[in-house]
């Protein structure tokens, strides 16, 4: 995926941890909407791999 999309998703995760859910959703949705069909599977995998980035939970 393009660096700008990855950066937006990382920022959305940070906003989520700060309880700014509306802003996080808007940013994440905008990034996903800009992604190409080829990028969609990588985005889905990135989101699955980074769930803890959004929840703020530590891996055990």
PDB file of N, CA and C in Angstrom:
ATOM      1  N   UNK A   1       0.844  -1.167   0.000  1.00  0.00           N
ATOM      2  CA  UNK A   1       0.000   0.000   0.000  1.00  0.00           C
ATOM      3  C   UNK A   1       0.890   1.231   0.000  1.00  0.00           C
ATOM      4  N   UNK A   2       0.362   2.296  -0.477  1.00  0.00           N
ATOM      5  CA  UNK A   2       1.122   3.544  -0.547  1.00  0.00           C
ATOM      6  C   UNK A   2       1.404   4.076   0.859  1.00  0.00           C
ATOM      7  N   UNK A   3       2.554   4.725   1.017  1.00  0.00           N
ATOM      8  CA  UNK A   3       2.914   5.268   2.332  1.00  0.00           C
ATOM      9  C   UNK A   3       1.872   6.228   2.900  1.00  0.00           C
ATOM     10  N   UNK A   4       1.225   7.011   2.066  1.00  0.00           N
ATOM     11  CA  UNK A   4       0.223   7.963   2.562  1.00  0.00           C
ATOM     12  C   UNK A   4      -0.969   7.237   3.180  1.00  0.00           C
ATOM     13  N   UNK A   5      -1.349   6.118   2.610  1.00  0.00           N
ATOM     14  CA  UNK A   5      -2.469   5.345   3.167  1.00  0.00           C
ATOM     15  C   UNK A   5      -2.052   4.711   4.482  1.00  0.00           C
ATOM     16  N   UNK A   6      -0.865   4.133   4.518  1.00  0.00           N
ATOM     17  CA  UNK A   6      -0.369   3.534   5.769  1.00  0.00           C
ATOM     18  C   UNK A   6      -0.281   4.590   6.867  1.00  0.00           C
ATOM     19  N   UNK A   7       0.220   5.745   6.536  1.00  0.00           N
ATOM     20  CA  UNK A   7       0.330   6.833   7.513  1.00  0.00           C
ATOM     21  C   UNK A   7      -1.039   7.256   8.031  1.00  0.00           C
ATOM     22  N   UNK A   8      -2.012   7.341   7.140  1.00  0.00           N
ATOM     23  CA  UNK A   8      -3.364   7.710   7.557  1.00  0.00           C
ATOM     24  C   UNK A   8      -3.947   6.659   8.490  1.00  0.00           C
ATOM     25  N   UNK A   9      -3.727   5.386   8.198  1.00  0.00           N
ATOM     26  CA  UNK A   9      -4.238   4.319   9.062  1.00  0.00           C
ATOM     27  C   UNK A   9      -3.554   4.354  10.428  1.00  0.00           C
ATOM     28  N   UNK A  10      -2.252   4.608  10.435  1.00  0.00           N
ATOM     29  CA  UNK A  10      -1.532   4.711  11.709  1.00  0.00           C
ATOM     30  C   UNK A  10      -2.056   5.897  12.524  1.00  0.00           C
ATOM     31  N   UNK A  11      -2.316   6.997  11.848  1.00  0.00           N
ATOM     32  CA  UNK A  11      -2.852   8.177  12.548  1.00  0.00           C
ATOM     33  C   UNK A  11      -4.263   7.889  13.058  1.00  0.00           C
ATOM     34  N   UNK A  12      -5.053   7.179  12.277  1.00  0.00           N
ATOM     35  CA  UNK A  12      -6.400   6.803  12.723  1.00  0.00           C
ATOM     36  C   UNK A  12      -6.321   5.938  13.977  1.00  0.00           C
ATOM     37  N   UNK A  13      -5.341   5.048  14.033  1.00  0.00           N
ATOM     38  CA  UNK A  13      -5.166   4.226  15.234  1.00  0.00           C
ATOM     39  C   UNK A  13      -4.849   5.097  16.436  1.00  0.00           C
ATOM     40  N   UNK A  14      -3.983   6.084  16.247  1.00  0.00           N
ATOM     41  CA  UNK A  14      -3.636   6.995  17.338  1.00  0.00           C
ATOM     42  C   UNK A  14      -4.861   7.777  17.801  1.00  0.00           C
ATOM     43  N   UNK A  15      -5.644   8.268  16.869  1.00  0.00           N
ATOM     44  CA  UNK A  15      -6.867   8.996  17.238  1.00  0.00           C
ATOM     45  C   UNK A  15      -7.830   8.102  18.004  1.00  0.00           C
ATOM     46  N   UNK A  16      -7.923   6.846  17.612  1.00  0.00           N
ATOM     47  CA  UNK A  16      -8.809   5.908  18.303  1.00  0.00           C
ATOM     48  C   UNK A  16      -8.368   5.728  19.747  1.00  0.00           C
ATOM     49  N   UNK A  17      -7.060   5.572  19.953  1.00  0.00           N
ATOM     50  CA  UNK A  17      -6.545   5.409  21.322  1.00  0.00           C
ATOM     51  C   UNK A  17      -6.816   6.645  22.172  1.00  0.00           C
ATOM     52  N   UNK A  18      -6.965   7.794  21.525  1.00  0.00           N
ATOM     53  CA  UNK A  18      -7.253   9.041  22.242  1.00  0.00           C
ATOM     54  C   UNK A  18      -8.757   9.296  22.349  1.00  0.00           C
ATOM     55  N   UNK A  19      -9.549   8.284  22.024  1.00  0.00           N
ATOM     56  CA  UNK A  19     -11.015   8.377  22.078  1.00  0.00           C
ATOM     57  C   UNK A  19     -11.580   9.426  21.132  1.00  0.00           C
ATOM     58  N   UNK A  20     -10.908   9.653  20.046  1.00  0.00           N
ATOM     59  CA  UNK A  20     -11.405  10.559  19.003  1.00  0.00           C
ATOM     60  C   UNK A  20     -11.923   9.699  17.851  1.00  0.00           C
ATOM     61  N   UNK A  21     -12.944   8.925  18.148  1.00  0.00           N
ATOM     62  CA  UNK A  21     -13.422   7.896  17.229  1.00  0.00           C
ATOM     63  C   UNK A  21     -13.993   8.462  15.934  1.00  0.00           C
ATOM     64  N   UNK A  22     -14.715   9.562  16.009  1.00  0.00           N
ATOM     65  CA  UNK A  22     -15.307  10.146  14.798  1.00  0.00           C
ATOM     66  C   UNK A  22     -14.198  10.595  13.850  1.00  0.00           C
ATOM     67  N   UNK A  23     -13.186  11.259  14.396  1.00  0.00           N
ATOM     68  CA  UNK A  23     -12.066  11.702  13.564  1.00  0.00           C
ATOM     69  C   UNK A  23     -11.311  10.513  12.989  1.00  0.00           C
ATOM     70  N   UNK A  24     -11.108   9.492  13.802  1.00  0.00           N
ATOM     71  CA  UNK A  24     -10.394   8.301  13.358  1.00  0.00           C
ATOM     72  C   UNK A  24     -11.141   7.609  12.222  1.00  0.00           C
ATOM     73  N   UNK A  25     -12.441   7.484  12.382  1.00  0.00           N
ATOM     74  CA  UNK A  25     -13.239   6.837  11.347  1.00  0.00           C
ATOM     75  C   UNK A  25     -13.205   7.631  10.050  1.00  0.00           C
ATOM     76  N   UNK A  26     -13.338   8.938  10.138  1.00  0.00           N
ATOM     77  CA  UNK A  26     -13.315   9.777   8.936  1.00  0.00           C
ATOM     78  C   UNK A  26     -11.977   9.660   8.218  1.00  0.00           C
ATOM     79  N   UNK A  27     -10.892   9.683   8.964  1.00  0.00           N
ATOM     80  CA  UNK A  27      -9.563   9.587   8.368  1.00  0.00           C
ATOM     81  C   UNK A  27      -9.337   8.209   7.751  1.00  0.00           C
ATOM     82  N   UNK A  28      -9.667   7.168   8.493  1.00  0.00           N
ATOM     83  CA  UNK A  28      -9.494   5.811   7.979  1.00  0.00           C
ATOM     84  C   UNK A  28     -10.347   5.545   6.757  1.00  0.00           C
ATOM     85  N   UNK A  29     -11.592   6.008   6.797  1.00  0.00           N
ATOM     86  CA  UNK A  29     -12.487   5.802   5.658  1.00  0.00           C
ATOM     87  C   UNK A  29     -11.963   6.529   4.419  1.00  0.00           C
ATOM     88  N   UNK A  30     -11.487   7.750   4.586  1.00  0.00           N
ATOM     89  CA  UNK A  30     -10.950   8.503   3.458  1.00  0.00           C
ATOM     90  C   UNK A  30      -9.740   7.783   2.852  1.00  0.00           C
ATOM     91  N   UNK A  31      -8.882   7.250   3.696  1.00  0.00           N
ATOM     92  CA  UNK A  31      -7.708   6.525   3.200  1.00  0.00           C
ATOM     93  C   UNK A  31      -8.113   5.272   2.443  1.00  0.00           C
ATOM     94  N   UNK A  32      -9.042   4.523   3.001  1.00  0.00           N
ATOM     95  CA  UNK A  32      -9.489   3.287   2.355  1.00  0.00           C
ATOM     96  C   UNK A  32     -10.190   3.594   1.039  1.00  0.00           C
ATOM     97  N   UNK A  33     -10.966   4.664   1.000  1.00  0.00           N
ATOM     98  CA  UNK A  33     -11.665   5.036  -0.234  1.00  0.00           C
ATOM     99  C   UNK A  33     -10.701   5.451  -1.341  1.00  0.00           C
ATOM    100  N   UNK A  34      -9.513   5.915  -0.993  1.00  0.00           N
ATOM    101  CA  UNK A  34      -8.515   6.308  -1.985  1.00  0.00           C
ATOM    102  C   UNK A  34      -7.695   5.123  -2.482  1.00  0.00           C
ATOM    103  N   UNK A  35      -7.789   4.012  -1.802  1.00  0.00           N
ATOM    104  CA  UNK A  35      -6.994   2.837  -2.149  1.00  0.00           C
ATOM    105  C   UNK A  35      -7.501   2.198  -3.441  1.00  0.00           C
ATOM    106  N   UNK A  36      -6.572   1.623  -4.147  1.00  0.00           N
ATOM    107  CA  UNK A  36      -6.922   0.887  -5.357  1.00  0.00           C
ATOM    108  C   UNK A  36      -7.423  -0.502  -4.969  1.00  0.00           C
ATOM    109  N   UNK A  37      -8.045  -1.176  -5.912  1.00  0.00           N
ATOM    110  CA  UNK A  37      -8.497  -2.545  -5.662  1.00  0.00           C
ATOM    111  C   UNK A  37      -7.330  -3.443  -5.275  1.00  0.00           C
ATOM    112  N   UNK A  38      -6.173  -3.194  -5.849  1.00  0.00           N
ATOM    113  CA  UNK A  38      -4.988  -4.005  -5.550  1.00  0.00           C
ATOM    114  C   UNK A  38      -4.503  -3.778  -4.118  1.00  0.00           C
ATOM    115  N   UNK A  39      -4.750  -2.604  -3.570  1.00  0.00           N
ATOM    116  CA  UNK A  39      -4.306  -2.292  -2.204  1.00  0.00           C
ATOM    117  C   UNK A  39      -5.257  -2.815  -1.141  1.00  0.00           C
ATOM    118  N   UNK A  40      -6.493  -3.070  -1.493  1.00  0.00           N
ATOM    119  CA  UNK A  40      -7.502  -3.468  -0.508  1.00  0.00           C
ATOM    120  C   UNK A  40      -7.098  -4.694   0.323  1.00  0.00           C
ATOM    121  N   UNK A  41      -6.610  -5.783  -0.291  1.00  0.00           N
ATOM    122  CA  UNK A  41      -6.221  -6.940   0.542  1.00  0.00           C
ATOM    123  C   UNK A  41      -5.093  -6.605   1.526  1.00  0.00           C
ATOM    124  N   UNK A  42      -4.145  -5.784   1.094  1.00  0.00           N
ATOM    125  CA  UNK A  42      -3.048  -5.412   1.990  1.00  0.00           C
ATOM    126  C   UNK A  42      -3.560  -4.561   3.148  1.00  0.00           C
ATOM    127  N   UNK A  43      -4.523  -3.688   2.873  1.00  0.00           N
ATOM    128  CA  UNK A  43      -5.118  -2.874   3.934  1.00  0.00           C
ATOM    129  C   UNK A  43      -5.856  -3.758   4.925  1.00  0.00           C
ATOM    130  N   UNK A  44      -6.638  -4.704   4.423  1.00  0.00           N
ATOM    131  CA  UNK A  44      -7.356  -5.627   5.323  1.00  0.00           C
ATOM    132  C   UNK A  44      -6.365  -6.387   6.204  1.00  0.00           C
ATOM    133  N   UNK A  45      -5.267  -6.844   5.615  1.00  0.00           N
ATOM    134  CA  UNK A  45      -4.268  -7.583   6.391  1.00  0.00           C
ATOM    135  C   UNK A  45      -3.603  -6.666   7.410  1.00  0.00           C
ATOM    136  N   UNK A  46      -3.288  -5.429   7.004  1.00  0.00           N
ATOM    137  CA  UNK A  46      -2.664  -4.485   7.923  1.00  0.00           C
ATOM    138  C   UNK A  46      -3.582  -4.232   9.108  1.00  0.00           C
ATOM    139  N   UNK A  47      -4.874  -4.025   8.845  1.00  0.00           N
ATOM    140  CA  UNK A  47      -5.830  -3.784   9.927  1.00  0.00           C
ATOM    141  C   UNK A  47      -5.905  -4.984  10.870  1.00  0.00           C
ATOM    142  N   UNK A  48      -5.927  -6.188  10.316  1.00  0.00           N
ATOM    143  CA  UNK A  48      -5.978  -7.393  11.144  1.00  0.00           C
ATOM    144  C   UNK A  48      -4.708  -7.526  11.988  1.00  0.00           C
ATOM    145  N   UNK A  49      -3.575  -7.187  11.399  1.00  0.00           N
ATOM    146  CA  UNK A  49      -2.298  -7.308  12.102  1.00  0.00           C
ATOM    147  C   UNK A  49      -2.090  -6.216  13.158  1.00  0.00           C
ATOM    148  N   UNK A  50      -2.825  -5.130  13.061  1.00  0.00           N
ATOM    149  CA  UNK A  50      -2.599  -3.980  13.939  1.00  0.00           C
ATOM    150  C   UNK A  50      -3.802  -3.649  14.825  1.00  0.00           C
ATOM    151  N   UNK A  51      -4.591  -4.629  15.146  1.00  0.00           N
ATOM    152  CA  UNK A  51      -5.760  -4.403  16.011  1.00  0.00           C
ATOM    153  C   UNK A  51      -5.342  -3.738  17.310  1.00  0.00           C
ATOM    154  N   UNK A  52      -4.251  -4.184  17.890  1.00  0.00           N
ATOM    155  CA  UNK A  52      -3.807  -3.614  19.171  1.00  0.00           C
ATOM    156  C   UNK A  52      -3.397  -2.156  19.040  1.00  0.00           C
ATOM    157  N   UNK A  53      -3.020  -1.729  17.834  1.00  0.00           N
ATOM    158  CA  UNK A  53      -2.708  -0.316  17.630  1.00  0.00           C
ATOM    159  C   UNK A  53      -3.947   0.543  17.870  1.00  0.00           C
ATOM    160  N   UNK A  54      -5.111  -0.017  17.559  1.00  0.00           N
ATOM    161  CA  UNK A  54      -6.348   0.722  17.719  1.00  0.00           C
ATOM    162  C   UNK A  54      -6.904   0.608  19.151  1.00  0.00           C
ATOM    163  N   UNK A  55      -6.684  -0.522  19.788  1.00  0.00           N
ATOM    164  CA  UNK A  55      -7.243  -0.734  21.123  1.00  0.00           C
ATOM    165  C   UNK A  55      -6.320  -0.247  22.234  1.00  0.00           C
ATOM    166  N   UNK A  56      -5.039  -0.141  21.926  1.00  0.00           N
ATOM    167  CA  UNK A  56      -4.080   0.268  22.934  1.00  0.00           C
ATOM    168  C   UNK A  56      -3.689  -0.844  23.868  1.00  0.00           C
ATOM    169  N   UNK A  57      -4.142  -2.063  23.587  1.00  0.00           N
ATOM    170  CA  UNK A  57      -3.804  -3.204  24.431  1.00  0.00           C
ATOM    171  C   UNK A  57      -2.406  -3.701  24.106  1.00  0.00           C
ATOM    172  N   UNK A  58      -1.695  -4.141  25.137  1.00  0.00           N
ATOM    173  CA  UNK A  58      -0.388  -4.746  24.952  1.00  0.00           C
ATOM    174  C   UNK A  58      -0.546  -6.210  24.583  1.00  0.00           C
ATOM    175  N   UNK A  59       0.371  -6.690  23.757  1.00  0.00           N
ATOM    176  CA  UNK A  59       0.368  -8.122  23.422  1.00  0.00           C
ATOM    177  C   UNK A  59       0.800  -8.899  24.656  1.00  0.00           C
ATOM    178  N   UNK A  60       0.148 -10.027  24.892  1.00  0.00           N
ATOM    179  CA  UNK A  60       0.489 -10.860  26.066  1.00  0.00           C
ATOM    180  C   UNK A  60       1.194 -12.094  25.626  1.00  0.00           C
TER     181      UNK A  60
END
